[in-house]
Amino acid sequence: MADGIVTEVISERLGRDRNRARLAVAYEFSVGSDGPYTGECFWTPAFFPLRRVSSARKRLRKNKRVRVRYRPDDPSVNTLDGGVAKLLNRLEVQG
């Protein structure tokens, strides 16, 4: 596991009628002196997606510290620890 930072947060509308949405979170991290590595993780809520993605986008900011899981033999294969949903839950608890 490594410490990283959020580099971009984007809300995207999906589907032909654009009534679905997802949140894209880009981040970067280093492993010792190796890096930086980058990654991207997505969150697509099942209920009230437009409102929930918009709300999440306002709470999650660039430069937010995050934990990143990576493959030890290839850190370019990585993801946020627990995904975007866990990150958003932590923000609610910190409140």
Protein backbone atom coordinates (compact mmCIF):
# COMPACT_ATOMS: atom_id res chain seq x y z
CA MET A 1 0.00 0.00 0.00
CA ALA A 2 1.19 3.54 -0.75
CA ASP A 3 0.11 7.10 -0.02
CA GLY A 4 -1.05 9.12 -3.00
CA ILE A 5 -2.92 12.28 -3.91
CA VAL A 6 -5.98 12.98 -6.02
CA THR A 7 -4.98 14.80 -9.21
CA GLU A 8 -8.40 15.19 -10.86
CA VAL A 9 -12.08 14.61 -10.08
CA ILE A 10 -14.54 14.60 -12.98
CA SER A 11 -18.26 13.91 -13.14
CA GLU A 12 -19.39 12.25 -16.37
CA ARG A 13 -22.89 11.75 -17.77
CA LEU A 14 -23.48 8.38 -19.36
CA GLY A 15 -25.99 6.63 -21.55
CA ARG A 16 -27.90 7.61 -24.64
CA ASP A 17 -30.30 9.78 -22.65
CA ARG A 18 -27.48 10.94 -20.32
CA ASN A 19 -29.52 10.25 -17.17
CA ARG A 20 -26.80 8.10 -15.62
CA ALA A 21 -23.58 9.45 -14.15
CA ARG A 22 -20.27 8.37 -12.70
CA LEU A 23 -17.43 10.00 -10.83
CA ALA A 24 -13.90 9.56 -12.18
CA VAL A 25 -11.03 10.05 -9.72
CA ALA A 26 -7.46 10.24 -11.01
CA TYR A 27 -4.54 9.95 -8.59
CA GLU A 28 -0.77 9.55 -8.43
CA PHE A 29 1.61 7.87 -6.01
CA SER A 30 5.21 6.73 -5.70
CA VAL A 31 6.76 3.55 -4.36
CA GLY A 32 9.93 4.61 -2.59
CA SER A 33 11.94 6.55 -5.15
CA ASP A 34 10.12 4.84 -8.04
CA GLY A 35 7.33 6.78 -9.68
CA PRO A 36 5.17 8.68 -9.91
CA TYR A 37 2.59 6.13 -10.98
CA THR A 38 -0.93 7.12 -11.91
CA GLY A 39 -4.32 5.49 -11.72
CA GLU A 40 -7.99 6.13 -12.18
CA CYS A 41 -10.98 4.78 -10.29
CA PHE A 42 -14.71 5.15 -10.95
CA TRP A 43 -17.90 5.30 -8.90
CA THR A 44 -21.34 4.82 -10.46
CA PRO A 45 -24.18 5.06 -7.95
CA ALA A 46 -27.25 2.93 -8.58
CA PHE A 47 -29.87 5.34 -7.21
CA PHE A 48 -30.25 9.07 -7.96
CA PRO A 49 -26.96 9.05 -9.88
CA LEU A 50 -26.94 12.64 -11.15
CA ARG A 51 -27.58 14.15 -7.72
CA ARG A 52 -25.22 11.79 -5.86
CA VAL A 53 -22.33 12.24 -8.32
CA SER A 54 -22.76 16.02 -8.20
CA SER A 55 -22.71 15.99 -4.39
CA ALA A 56 -19.65 13.71 -4.28
CA ARG A 57 -17.83 15.90 -6.80
CA LYS A 58 -18.24 18.91 -4.50
CA ARG A 59 -16.81 17.02 -1.48
CA LEU A 60 -13.82 15.36 -3.12
CA ARG A 61 -11.04 17.77 -4.06
CA LYS A 62 -7.72 17.71 -5.85
CA ASN A 63 -4.71 17.08 -3.58
CA LYS A 64 -6.79 14.94 -1.18
CA ARG A 65 -4.58 12.26 0.35
CA VAL A 66 -5.56 8.70 -0.59
CA ARG A 67 -4.33 5.16 0.00
CA VAL A 68 -3.44 3.14 -3.08
CA ARG A 69 -3.13 -0.62 -3.45
CA TYR A 70 -0.73 -1.78 -6.12
CA ARG A 71 0.82 -4.97 -7.43
CA PRO A 72 4.30 -5.22 -5.85
CA ASP A 73 5.93 -6.51 -9.06
CA ASP A 74 4.13 -3.91 -11.23
CA PRO A 75 2.88 -0.75 -9.46
CA SER A 76 1.28 0.46 -12.70
CA VAL A 77 -1.47 -2.06 -11.82
CA ASN A 78 -3.22 -0.24 -8.98
CA THR A 79 -6.49 0.98 -7.48
CA LEU A 80 -7.71 3.13 -4.62
CA ASP A 81 -7.90 1.22 -1.36
CA GLY A 82 -11.59 0.32 -1.13
CA GLY A 83 -12.44 2.28 -4.26
CA VAL A 84 -14.14 5.64 -4.55
CA ALA A 85 -17.12 4.55 -2.42
CA LYS A 86 -14.88 3.91 0.61
CA LEU A 87 -13.12 7.23 0.07
CA LEU A 88 -16.48 9.05 0.02
CA ASN A 89 -17.60 7.21 3.17
CA ARG A 90 -14.45 8.36 4.97
CA LEU A 91 -15.20 11.96 3.95
CA GLU A 92 -18.69 11.65 5.47
CA VAL A 93 -17.28 10.32 8.74
CA GLN A 94 -14.66 13.09 8.92
CA GLY A 95 -17.46 15.45 8.11
